[in-house]
Amino acid sequence: MTKSFLQTQNWLDFQKHIGRKTWRFDNGKIKANIIRHDLPFGKNYLYIPHGPEIYFDAISGGIKNELAQFVVYLKNLAREEKSIFIKIEPLDDKVMEFLHGLGFKKSSKKIQPQRSVVINLEKSEEELLSAMHHKTRYNIKIAEKNNIEVKDSSDLGAFLKLLNKTAKRDRFDTHKKYYYEKLLSFFSEGSMKTDLILASFEGKPVAGALVLSTEGTCYYLHGASDYGFRAMMAPYALHWENIKYLKQHNFKSYDLWGIDAKLWPGVTRFKLGFGGQQVEYPGSFDLPISKIWYLVYKIARKIF
């Protein structure tokens, strides 16, 4: 079983659906979804999210030799595509230990968050509440007193209005509207499914979440709230109601996805308040293919 939905065929098909060029490497020992991300001036880089996945038990010969052949494949593909560099974000420290010796270097530019909070849904509701920060429990009760209504919704427009307000307030970039539309429509049914959840106060949507569910885990991918209604504590009701729903449908975990105390202090405090387990991944690593263009890319990132 794959360790991340980002390394499934379903996710690769979605990337192709939104117009990106993709490849699937799988020799039974190493697996990797490879996605081409375009850059300005006709440039691009190859990206492996939450991968590659290496099945060490399936490798009977030398691991270094297997990985060296994989890196040769990546380099050849990158040259064919005229890519500036290859970016990988593996989940396993052991994977990175081997690949580091093959030219990959630590990058400060991450696509996926390096840290997350995962809630164990196999615990009882009482255990989950007990593990929360006392302010989180208190805010859930406030939301209940304010009669916050939480339900699935198809009103993407309402969610995007909230998202744009949140992005402006917290200074982060969002995807284009079509991305969210396609994310919801592409995974509308099947083993991997997306849902839009809205929390409303007196009929007005004041908080929302776009989640993806697969193989017993629900991922909180995108969230937003109206700061003008912060006293209603709607986001707390939204996630607590979702947790209870997931438990009823036998989900095993709820991944709140990304935390970073430096970049998103408020969001990080909010997610940590639910008492889940903190998980940290190795981070982001780049293998330059065109050293000159890679240097230009790094300089441009600092300027813009």
C-alpha atoms as a PDB file:
ATOM      1  CA  MET A   1       0.000   0.000   0.000  1.00  0.00           C
ATOM      2  CA  THR A   2       1.300   3.453  -0.893  1.00  0.00           C
ATOM      3  CA  LYS A   3       2.174   5.766   2.004  1.00  0.00           C
ATOM      4  CA  SER A   4       0.695   8.955   0.539  1.00  0.00           C
ATOM      5  CA  PHE A   5      -2.232   9.801  -1.732  1.00  0.00           C
ATOM      6  CA  LEU A   6       0.209  12.008  -3.668  1.00  0.00           C
ATOM      7  CA  GLN A   7       1.897   8.832  -4.887  1.00  0.00           C
ATOM      8  CA  THR A   8      -1.280   7.105  -6.100  1.00  0.00           C
ATOM      9  CA  GLN A   9      -2.330   6.618  -9.699  1.00  0.00           C
ATOM     10  CA  ASN A  10      -5.492   8.583  -8.894  1.00  0.00           C
ATOM     11  CA  TRP A  11      -3.475  11.678  -7.985  1.00  0.00           C
ATOM     12  CA  LEU A  12      -1.298  11.305 -11.056  1.00  0.00           C
ATOM     13  CA  ASP A  13      -4.432  11.103 -13.216  1.00  0.00           C
ATOM     14  CA  PHE A  14      -5.708  14.292 -11.580  1.00  0.00           C
ATOM     15  CA  GLN A  15      -2.456  16.097 -12.328  1.00  0.00           C
ATOM     16  CA  LYS A  16      -2.796  15.060 -15.958  1.00  0.00           C
ATOM     17  CA  HIS A  17      -6.426  16.215 -15.873  1.00  0.00           C
ATOM     18  CA  ILE A  18      -5.399  19.757 -14.893  1.00  0.00           C
ATOM     19  CA  GLY A  19      -2.919  19.911 -17.755  1.00  0.00           C
ATOM     20  CA  ARG A  20       0.390  18.802 -16.291  1.00  0.00           C
ATOM     21  CA  LYS A  21       2.679  16.300 -17.970  1.00  0.00           C
ATOM     22  CA  THR A  22       3.221  13.183 -15.834  1.00  0.00           C
ATOM     23  CA  TRP A  23       5.149   9.924 -15.653  1.00  0.00           C
ATOM     24  CA  ARG A  24       4.902   6.853 -13.416  1.00  0.00           C
ATOM     25  CA  PHE A  25       8.110   5.003 -12.512  1.00  0.00           C
ATOM     26  CA  ASP A  26       7.534   1.556 -11.024  1.00  0.00           C
ATOM     27  CA  ASN A  27       9.964  -1.337 -11.250  1.00  0.00           C
ATOM     28  CA  GLY A  28       8.577  -3.142  -8.202  1.00  0.00           C
ATOM     29  CA  LYS A  29      11.384  -1.800  -6.038  1.00  0.00           C
ATOM     30  CA  ILE A  30      11.129   1.961  -6.496  1.00  0.00           C
ATOM     31  CA  LYS A  31       7.896   3.832  -7.224  1.00  0.00           C
ATOM     32  CA  ALA A  32       7.501   7.480  -8.087  1.00  0.00           C
ATOM     33  CA  ASN A  33       4.876   9.813  -9.465  1.00  0.00           C
ATOM     34  CA  ILE A  34       6.739  12.398 -11.523  1.00  0.00           C
ATOM     35  CA  ILE A  35       4.999  15.667 -12.391  1.00  0.00           C
ATOM     36  CA  ARG A  36       6.283  18.463 -14.591  1.00  0.00           C
ATOM     37  CA  HIS A  37       5.756  21.940 -13.133  1.00  0.00           C
ATOM     38  CA  ASP A  38       6.123  24.771 -15.614  1.00  0.00           C
ATOM     39  CA  LEU A  39       8.046  27.961 -14.854  1.00  0.00           C
ATOM     40  CA  PRO A  40       8.265  31.342 -16.623  1.00  0.00           C
ATOM     41  CA  PHE A  41      10.297  31.727 -19.818  1.00  0.00           C
ATOM     42  CA  GLY A  42       9.354  28.250 -21.023  1.00  0.00           C
ATOM     43  CA  LYS A  43      11.313  26.522 -18.252  1.00  0.00           C
ATOM     44  CA  ASN A  44      10.162  23.721 -15.929  1.00  0.00           C
ATOM     45  CA  TYR A  45      11.182  21.304 -13.204  1.00  0.00           C
ATOM     46  CA  LEU A  46      10.259  17.698 -12.419  1.00  0.00           C
ATOM     47  CA  TYR A  47       8.608  17.058  -9.063  1.00  0.00           C
ATOM     48  CA  ILE A  48       8.096  13.888  -7.006  1.00  0.00           C
ATOM     49  CA  PRO A  49       5.631  14.632  -4.141  1.00  0.00           C
ATOM     50  CA  HIS A  50       5.992  12.470  -1.024  1.00  0.00           C
ATOM     51  CA  GLY A  51       8.365  10.231  -2.877  1.00  0.00           C
ATOM     52  CA  PRO A  52      10.060   8.314  -4.241  1.00  0.00           C
ATOM     53  CA  GLU A  53       8.866   5.269  -2.340  1.00  0.00           C
ATOM     54  CA  ILE A  54      11.541   2.603  -1.979  1.00  0.00           C
ATOM     55  CA  TYR A  55      10.639  -0.965  -1.054  1.00  0.00           C
ATOM     56  CA  PHE A  56      13.896  -2.030   0.566  1.00  0.00           C
ATOM     57  CA  ASP A  57      12.751  -5.621   1.191  1.00  0.00           C
ATOM     58  CA  ALA A  58      12.241  -6.096  -2.558  1.00  0.00           C
ATOM     59  CA  ILE A  59      15.831  -5.117  -3.381  1.00  0.00           C
ATOM     60  CA  SER A  60      18.048  -8.189  -3.352  1.00  0.00           C
ATOM     61  CA  GLY A  61      21.146  -6.533  -4.816  1.00  0.00           C
ATOM     62  CA  GLY A  62      22.824  -3.290  -3.868  1.00  0.00           C
ATOM     63  CA  ILE A  63      20.451  -0.492  -2.853  1.00  0.00           C
ATOM     64  CA  LYS A  64      22.892   2.173  -4.020  1.00  0.00           C
ATOM     65  CA  ASN A  65      23.051   0.616  -7.481  1.00  0.00           C
ATOM     66  CA  GLU A  66      19.241   0.504  -7.767  1.00  0.00           C
ATOM     67  CA  LEU A  67      18.961   4.134  -6.706  1.00  0.00           C
ATOM     68  CA  ALA A  68      21.770   5.202  -9.020  1.00  0.00           C
ATOM     69  CA  GLN A  69      19.881   3.675 -11.962  1.00  0.00           C
ATOM     70  CA  PHE A  70      16.718   5.480 -10.856  1.00  0.00           C
ATOM     71  CA  VAL A  71      18.559   8.810 -10.698  1.00  0.00           C
ATOM     72  CA  VAL A  72      19.998   8.182 -14.178  1.00  0.00           C
ATOM     73  CA  TYR A  73      16.424   7.664 -15.414  1.00  0.00           C
ATOM     74  CA  LEU A  74      15.371  10.955 -13.789  1.00  0.00           C
ATOM     75  CA  LYS A  75      18.299  12.859 -15.263  1.00  0.00           C
ATOM     76  CA  ASN A  76      17.633  11.518 -18.759  1.00  0.00           C
ATOM     77  CA  LEU A  77      13.955  12.410 -18.454  1.00  0.00           C
ATOM     78  CA  ALA A  78      14.822  15.886 -17.188  1.00  0.00           C
ATOM     79  CA  ARG A  79      17.182  16.477 -20.124  1.00  0.00           C
ATOM     80  CA  GLU A  80      14.505  15.316 -22.580  1.00  0.00           C
ATOM     81  CA  GLU A  81      12.040  17.755 -21.013  1.00  0.00           C
ATOM     82  CA  LYS A  82      14.682  20.508 -20.753  1.00  0.00           C
ATOM     83  CA  SER A  83      14.028  20.735 -17.017  1.00  0.00           C
ATOM     84  CA  ILE A  84      16.124  23.005 -14.823  1.00  0.00           C
ATOM     85  CA  PHE A  85      16.102  20.655 -11.827  1.00  0.00           C
ATOM     86  CA  ILE A  86      14.384  17.704 -10.137  1.00  0.00           C
ATOM     87  CA  LYS A  87      12.643  18.219  -6.789  1.00  0.00           C
ATOM     88  CA  ILE A  88      11.781  15.383  -4.410  1.00  0.00           C
ATOM     89  CA  GLU A  89       9.984  15.441  -1.046  1.00  0.00           C
ATOM     90  CA  PRO A  90      10.218  11.908   0.400  1.00  0.00           C
ATOM     91  CA  LEU A  91       8.420  10.798   3.544  1.00  0.00           C
ATOM     92  CA  ASP A  92      11.186   8.477   4.728  1.00  0.00           C
ATOM     93  CA  ASP A  93      14.503   9.693   6.206  1.00  0.00           C
ATOM     94  CA  LYS A  94      16.136   6.475   5.058  1.00  0.00           C
ATOM     95  CA  VAL A  95      15.258   7.229   1.437  1.00  0.00           C
ATOM     96  CA  MET A  96      16.863  10.642   1.693  1.00  0.00           C
ATOM     97  CA  GLU A  97      20.038   9.270   3.267  1.00  0.00           C
ATOM     98  CA  PHE A  98      20.707   7.253   0.114  1.00  0.00           C
ATOM     99  CA  LEU A  99      19.641   9.894  -2.394  1.00  0.00           C
ATOM    100  CA  HIS A 100      21.652  12.644  -0.723  1.00  0.00           C
ATOM    101  CA  GLY A 101      24.824  10.923  -1.868  1.00  0.00           C
ATOM    102  CA  LEU A 102      23.584  10.989  -5.469  1.00  0.00           C
ATOM    103  CA  GLY A 103      23.496  14.743  -5.875  1.00  0.00           C
ATOM    104  CA  PHE A 104      20.282  15.865  -4.153  1.00  0.00           C
ATOM    105  CA  LYS A 105      20.728  18.884  -1.901  1.00  0.00           C
ATOM    106  CA  LYS A 106      18.456  20.429   0.714  1.00  0.00           C
ATOM    107  CA  SER A 107      16.111  23.116  -0.638  1.00  0.00           C
ATOM    108  CA  SER A 108      14.396  25.889   1.306  1.00  0.00           C
ATOM    109  CA  LYS A 109      11.518  25.896  -1.201  1.00  0.00           C
ATOM    110  CA  LYS A 110       8.929  23.326  -0.125  1.00  0.00           C
ATOM    111  CA  ILE A 111       5.819  22.363  -2.083  1.00  0.00           C
ATOM    112  CA  GLN A 112       4.248  20.149   0.601  1.00  0.00           C
ATOM    113  CA  PRO A 113       4.404  21.052   4.302  1.00  0.00           C
ATOM    114  CA  GLN A 114       7.269  19.433   6.182  1.00  0.00           C
ATOM    115  CA  ARG A 115       5.249  19.024   9.377  1.00  0.00           C
ATOM    116  CA  SER A 116       1.722  17.900  10.053  1.00  0.00           C
ATOM    117  CA  VAL A 117      -0.673  16.936  12.843  1.00  0.00           C
ATOM    118  CA  VAL A 118      -2.441  13.570  12.608  1.00  0.00           C
ATOM    119  CA  ILE A 119      -5.393  12.709  14.843  1.00  0.00           C
ATOM    120  CA  ASN A 120      -5.940   9.052  15.746  1.00  0.00           C
ATOM    121  CA  LEU A 121      -9.651   8.475  15.132  1.00  0.00           C
ATOM    122  CA  GLU A 122      -9.563   5.030  16.721  1.00  0.00           C
ATOM    123  CA  LYS A 123      -9.684   6.760  20.102  1.00  0.00           C
ATOM    124  CA  SER A 124     -13.064   7.397  21.723  1.00  0.00           C
ATOM    125  CA  GLU A 125     -14.658  10.849  21.610  1.00  0.00           C
ATOM    126  CA  GLU A 126     -13.891  11.239  25.313  1.00  0.00           C
ATOM    127  CA  GLU A 127     -10.212  10.420  24.722  1.00  0.00           C
ATOM    128  CA  LEU A 128     -10.033  12.832  21.791  1.00  0.00           C
ATOM    129  CA  LEU A 129     -11.574  15.651  23.806  1.00  0.00           C
ATOM    130  CA  SER A 130      -9.275  14.921  26.724  1.00  0.00           C
ATOM    131  CA  ALA A 131      -6.213  15.170  24.465  1.00  0.00           C
ATOM    132  CA  MET A 132      -7.216  18.617  23.188  1.00  0.00           C
ATOM    133  CA  HIS A 133      -5.969  21.904  24.593  1.00  0.00           C
ATOM    134  CA  HIS A 134      -8.484  23.189  27.142  1.00  0.00           C
ATOM    135  CA  LYS A 135      -9.116  26.293  24.989  1.00  0.00           C
ATOM    136  CA  THR A 136     -10.004  24.093  22.039  1.00  0.00           C
ATOM    137  CA  ARG A 137     -12.588  22.224  24.110  1.00  0.00           C
ATOM    138  CA  TYR A 138     -13.928  25.547  25.379  1.00  0.00           C
ATOM    139  CA  ASN A 139     -14.184  26.971  21.850  1.00  0.00           C
ATOM    140  CA  ILE A 140     -16.068  23.890  20.642  1.00  0.00           C
ATOM    141  CA  LYS A 141     -18.620  24.542  23.385  1.00  0.00           C
ATOM    142  CA  ILE A 142     -18.886  28.217  22.368  1.00  0.00           C
ATOM    143  CA  ALA A 143     -19.550  27.172  18.771  1.00  0.00           C
ATOM    144  CA  GLU A 144     -22.270  24.806  19.991  1.00  0.00           C
ATOM    145  CA  LYS A 145     -23.912  27.635  21.984  1.00  0.00           C
ATOM    146  CA  ASN A 146     -23.824  29.804  18.845  1.00  0.00           C
ATOM    147  CA  ASN A 147     -25.669  27.067  16.941  1.00  0.00           C
ATOM    148  CA  ILE A 148     -23.006  26.764  14.254  1.00  0.00           C
ATOM    149  CA  GLU A 149     -24.352  24.470  11.525  1.00  0.00           C
ATOM    150  CA  VAL A 150     -21.846  22.178   9.803  1.00  0.00           C
ATOM    151  CA  LYS A 151     -22.693  20.273   6.637  1.00  0.00           C
ATOM    152  CA  ASP A 152     -21.399  19.167   3.246  1.00  0.00           C
ATOM    153  CA  SER A 153     -21.911  21.759   0.546  1.00  0.00           C
ATOM    154  CA  SER A 154     -21.591  22.287  -3.201  1.00  0.00           C
ATOM    155  CA  ASP A 155     -21.293  26.078  -2.829  1.00  0.00           C
ATOM    156  CA  LEU A 156     -17.716  26.497  -4.011  1.00  0.00           C
ATOM    157  CA  GLY A 157     -18.293  30.223  -4.546  1.00  0.00           C
ATOM    158  CA  ALA A 158     -18.968  30.746  -0.838  1.00  0.00           C
ATOM    159  CA  PHE A 159     -15.833  28.812   0.072  1.00  0.00           C
ATOM    160  CA  LEU A 160     -13.661  30.771  -2.379  1.00  0.00           C
ATOM    161  CA  LYS A 161     -14.887  34.075  -0.942  1.00  0.00           C
ATOM    162  CA  LEU A 162     -13.795  32.877   2.491  1.00  0.00           C
ATOM    163  CA  LEU A 163     -10.516  31.557   1.084  1.00  0.00           C
ATOM    164  CA  ASN A 164      -9.645  34.852  -0.607  1.00  0.00           C
ATOM    165  CA  LYS A 165     -10.285  36.740   2.640  1.00  0.00           C
ATOM    166  CA  THR A 166      -8.147  34.280   4.569  1.00  0.00           C
ATOM    167  CA  ALA A 167      -5.308  34.370   1.998  1.00  0.00           C
ATOM    168  CA  LYS A 168      -5.213  38.159   2.103  1.00  0.00           C
ATOM    169  CA  ARG A 169      -5.233  38.187   5.897  1.00  0.00           C
ATOM    170  CA  ASP A 170      -2.621  35.454   6.381  1.00  0.00           C
ATOM    171  CA  ARG A 171      -0.546  36.331   3.294  1.00  0.00           C
ATOM    172  CA  PHE A 172      -0.521  33.067   1.380  1.00  0.00           C
ATOM    173  CA  ASP A 173      -1.167  32.246  -2.270  1.00  0.00           C
ATOM    174  CA  THR A 174      -4.157  30.278  -3.505  1.00  0.00           C
ATOM    175  CA  HIS A 175      -4.763  28.202  -6.622  1.00  0.00           C
ATOM    176  CA  LYS A 176      -6.869  29.474  -9.496  1.00  0.00           C
ATOM    177  CA  LYS A 177     -10.617  28.872  -9.264  1.00  0.00           C
ATOM    178  CA  TYR A 178     -10.512  26.110 -11.899  1.00  0.00           C
ATOM    179  CA  TYR A 179      -8.130  24.064  -9.699  1.00  0.00           C
ATOM    180  CA  TYR A 180     -10.662  23.795  -6.857  1.00  0.00           C
ATOM    181  CA  GLU A 181     -13.460  23.118  -9.349  1.00  0.00           C
ATOM    182  CA  LYS A 182     -11.523  20.262 -10.915  1.00  0.00           C
ATOM    183  CA  LEU A 183     -10.369  18.924  -7.538  1.00  0.00           C
ATOM    184  CA  LEU A 184     -13.989  18.592  -6.409  1.00  0.00           C
ATOM    185  CA  SER A 185     -15.362  17.252  -9.698  1.00  0.00           C
ATOM    186  CA  PHE A 186     -12.538  14.792 -10.467  1.00  0.00           C
ATOM    187  CA  PHE A 187     -12.778  13.106  -7.059  1.00  0.00           C
ATOM    188  CA  SER A 188     -16.555  13.320  -6.715  1.00  0.00           C
ATOM    189  CA  GLU A 189     -16.818   9.549  -6.270  1.00  0.00           C
ATOM    190  CA  GLY A 190     -14.659   6.437  -6.000  1.00  0.00           C
ATOM    191  CA  SER A 191     -11.940   5.263  -3.626  1.00  0.00           C
ATOM    192  CA  MET A 192     -10.462   8.761  -3.433  1.00  0.00           C
ATOM    193  CA  LYS A 193     -13.050  11.438  -2.728  1.00  0.00           C
ATOM    194  CA  THR A 194     -13.077  15.180  -2.067  1.00  0.00           C
ATOM    195  CA  ASP A 195     -15.736  17.025  -0.075  1.00  0.00           C
ATOM    196  CA  LEU A 196     -16.472  20.649   0.687  1.00  0.00           C
ATOM    197  CA  ILE A 197     -17.642  21.331   4.242  1.00  0.00           C
ATOM    198  CA  LEU A 198     -19.109  24.673   5.319  1.00  0.00           C
ATOM    199  CA  ALA A 199     -19.863  25.959   8.802  1.00  0.00           C
ATOM    200  CA  SER A 200     -22.623  28.575   8.923  1.00  0.00           C
ATOM    201  CA  PHE A 201     -23.876  31.092  11.477  1.00  0.00           C
ATOM    202  CA  GLU A 202     -27.508  32.105  11.018  1.00  0.00           C
ATOM    203  CA  GLY A 203     -27.378  30.756   7.475  1.00  0.00           C
ATOM    204  CA  LYS A 204     -24.199  32.606   6.482  1.00  0.00           C
ATOM    205  CA  PRO A 205     -21.083  30.523   5.662  1.00  0.00           C
ATOM    206  CA  VAL A 206     -18.315  31.685   7.997  1.00  0.00           C
ATOM    207  CA  ALA A 207     -15.799  28.813   7.749  1.00  0.00           C
ATOM    208  CA  GLY A 208     -15.025  26.070   5.272  1.00  0.00           C
ATOM    209  CA  ALA A 209     -12.767  23.127   4.538  1.00  0.00           C
ATOM    210  CA  LEU A 210     -11.932  21.152   1.434  1.00  0.00           C
ATOM    211  CA  VAL A 211     -10.965  17.620   2.437  1.00  0.00           C
ATOM    212  CA  LEU A 212      -9.794  14.510   0.597  1.00  0.00           C
ATOM    213  CA  SER A 213     -10.517  10.997   1.863  1.00  0.00           C
ATOM    214  CA  THR A 214      -8.855   7.728   0.900  1.00  0.00           C
ATOM    215  CA  GLU A 215      -7.803   4.427   2.491  1.00  0.00           C
ATOM    216  CA  GLY A 216      -9.086   5.274   5.968  1.00  0.00           C
ATOM    217  CA  THR A 217      -7.506   8.714   6.177  1.00  0.00           C
ATOM    218  CA  CYS A 218      -9.065  12.143   5.671  1.00  0.00           C
ATOM    219  CA  TYR A 219      -6.756  15.028   4.691  1.00  0.00           C
ATOM    220  CA  TYR A 220      -7.614  18.656   5.469  1.00  0.00           C
ATOM    221  CA  LEU A 221      -6.196  20.234   2.317  1.00  0.00           C
ATOM    222  CA  HIS A 222      -7.653  23.746   2.207  1.00  0.00           C
ATOM    223  CA  GLY A 223      -9.410  25.821   4.833  1.00  0.00           C
ATOM    224  CA  ALA A 224     -10.801  29.314   5.282  1.00  0.00           C
ATOM    225  CA  SER A 225     -12.792  31.437   7.713  1.00  0.00           C
ATOM    226  CA  ASP A 226     -14.348  34.891   8.050  1.00  0.00           C
ATOM    227  CA  TYR A 227     -12.342  36.859  10.607  1.00  0.00           C
ATOM    228  CA  GLY A 228     -15.346  39.100  11.224  1.00  0.00           C
ATOM    229  CA  PHE A 229     -17.141  36.118  12.781  1.00  0.00           C
ATOM    230  CA  ARG A 230     -14.171  34.772  14.741  1.00  0.00           C
ATOM    231  CA  ALA A 231     -16.069  35.051  18.035  1.00  0.00           C
ATOM    232  CA  MET A 232     -18.496  32.368  16.809  1.00  0.00           C
ATOM    233  CA  MET A 233     -15.662  29.762  16.819  1.00  0.00           C
ATOM    234  CA  ALA A 234     -17.026  28.129  13.657  1.00  0.00           C
ATOM    235  CA  PRO A 235     -13.739  26.435  12.590  1.00  0.00           C
ATOM    236  CA  TYR A 236     -13.710  24.495  15.883  1.00  0.00           C
ATOM    237  CA  ALA A 237     -17.239  23.226  15.272  1.00  0.00           C
ATOM    238  CA  LEU A 238     -16.366  22.359  11.681  1.00  0.00           C
ATOM    239  CA  HIS A 239     -13.452  20.108  12.586  1.00  0.00           C
ATOM    240  CA  TRP A 240     -15.073  18.545  15.643  1.00  0.00           C
ATOM    241  CA  GLU A 241     -18.168  17.644  13.618  1.00  0.00           C
ATOM    242  CA  ASN A 242     -15.964  16.260  10.855  1.00  0.00           C
ATOM    243  CA  ILE A 243     -14.003  14.192  13.366  1.00  0.00           C
ATOM    244  CA  LYS A 244     -17.234  12.681  14.704  1.00  0.00           C
ATOM    245  CA  TYR A 245     -18.470  11.992  11.156  1.00  0.00           C
ATOM    246  CA  LEU A 246     -15.190  10.291  10.217  1.00  0.00           C
ATOM    247  CA  LYS A 247     -15.317   8.122  13.337  1.00  0.00           C
ATOM    248  CA  GLN A 248     -18.863   7.035  12.480  1.00  0.00           C
ATOM    249  CA  HIS A 249     -17.629   5.955   9.044  1.00  0.00           C
ATOM    250  CA  ASN A 250     -14.665   4.011  10.467  1.00  0.00           C
ATOM    251  CA  PHE A 251     -11.854   6.303   9.354  1.00  0.00           C
ATOM    252  CA  LYS A 252      -8.612   5.695  11.218  1.00  0.00           C
ATOM    253  CA  SER A 253      -6.923   9.095  11.014  1.00  0.00           C
ATOM    254  CA  TYR A 254      -7.482  12.764  10.265  1.00  0.00           C
ATOM    255  CA  ASP A 255      -4.434  14.533   8.821  1.00  0.00           C
ATOM    256  CA  LEU A 256      -4.625  18.283   9.435  1.00  0.00           C
ATOM    257  CA  TRP A 257      -1.895  18.573   6.796  1.00  0.00           C
ATOM    258  CA  GLY A 258       0.438  21.497   7.426  1.00  0.00           C
ATOM    259  CA  ILE A 259       1.876  23.321  10.427  1.00  0.00           C
ATOM    260  CA  ASP A 260       4.712  25.827  10.641  1.00  0.00           C
ATOM    261  CA  ALA A 261       4.993  28.014  13.736  1.00  0.00           C
ATOM    262  CA  LYS A 262       7.089  30.569  11.861  1.00  0.00           C
ATOM    263  CA  LEU A 263       5.057  30.901   8.662  1.00  0.00           C
ATOM    264  CA  TRP A 264       1.544  30.214  10.006  1.00  0.00           C
ATOM    265  CA  PRO A 265       1.578  30.745  13.797  1.00  0.00           C
ATOM    266  CA  GLY A 266      -2.198  31.108  14.188  1.00  0.00           C
ATOM    267  CA  VAL A 267      -3.052  28.122  12.001  1.00  0.00           C
ATOM    268  CA  THR A 268      -0.399  26.051  13.750  1.00  0.00           C
ATOM    269  CA  ARG A 269      -1.775  26.844  17.228  1.00  0.00           C
ATOM    270  CA  PHE A 270      -5.274  26.029  15.998  1.00  0.00           C
ATOM    271  CA  LYS A 271      -4.284  22.614  14.625  1.00  0.00           C
ATOM    272  CA  LEU A 272      -2.076  21.678  17.563  1.00  0.00           C
ATOM    273  CA  GLY A 273      -4.987  22.471  19.860  1.00  0.00           C
ATOM    274  CA  PHE A 274      -6.791  19.341  18.631  1.00  0.00           C
ATOM    275  CA  GLY A 275      -4.175  17.183  20.315  1.00  0.00           C
ATOM    276  CA  GLY A 276      -3.002  15.028  17.427  1.00  0.00           C
ATOM    277  CA  GLN A 277       0.461  13.585  16.913  1.00  0.00           C
ATOM    278  CA  GLN A 278       3.024  15.830  15.266  1.00  0.00           C
ATOM    279  CA  VAL A 279       4.704  14.258  12.234  1.00  0.00           C
ATOM    280  CA  GLU A 280       7.833  15.594  10.537  1.00  0.00           C
ATOM    281  CA  TYR A 281       9.180  14.644   7.111  1.00  0.00           C
ATOM    282  CA  PRO A 282      12.714  15.061   5.715  1.00  0.00           C
ATOM    283  CA  GLY A 283      11.837  18.157   3.657  1.00  0.00           C
ATOM    284  CA  SER A 284      12.551  19.232   0.102  1.00  0.00           C
ATOM    285  CA  PHE A 285      15.613  18.333  -1.983  1.00  0.00           C
ATOM    286  CA  ASP A 286      16.742  19.467  -5.434  1.00  0.00           C
ATOM    287  CA  LEU A 287      19.003  17.913  -8.054  1.00  0.00           C
ATOM    288  CA  PRO A 288      20.142  20.645 -10.496  1.00  0.00           C
ATOM    289  CA  ILE A 289      20.237  19.665 -14.173  1.00  0.00           C
ATOM    290  CA  SER A 290      21.078  23.068 -15.679  1.00  0.00           C
ATOM    291  CA  LYS A 291      23.285  24.725 -13.082  1.00  0.00           C
ATOM    292  CA  ILE A 292      23.096  28.161 -14.674  1.00  0.00           C
ATOM    293  CA  TRP A 293      19.292  28.206 -14.951  1.00  0.00           C
ATOM    294  CA  TYR A 294      18.991  26.711 -11.465  1.00  0.00           C
ATOM    295  CA  LEU A 295      21.051  29.613 -10.109  1.00  0.00           C
ATOM    296  CA  VAL A 296      18.808  32.063 -11.997  1.00  0.00           C
ATOM    297  CA  TYR A 297      15.755  30.319 -10.508  1.00  0.00           C
ATOM    298  CA  LYS A 298      17.111  30.618  -6.953  1.00  0.00           C
ATOM    299  CA  ILE A 299      17.967  34.314  -7.420  1.00  0.00           C
ATOM    300  CA  ALA A 300      14.536  35.042  -8.912  1.00  0.00           C
ATOM    301  CA  ARG A 301      12.866  33.351  -5.945  1.00  0.00           C
ATOM    302  CA  LYS A 302      14.694  35.635  -3.526  1.00  0.00           C
ATOM    303  CA  ILE A 303      13.768  38.758  -5.502  1.00  0.00           C
ATOM    304  CA  PHE A 304      10.128  37.945  -6.173  1.00  0.00           C
END
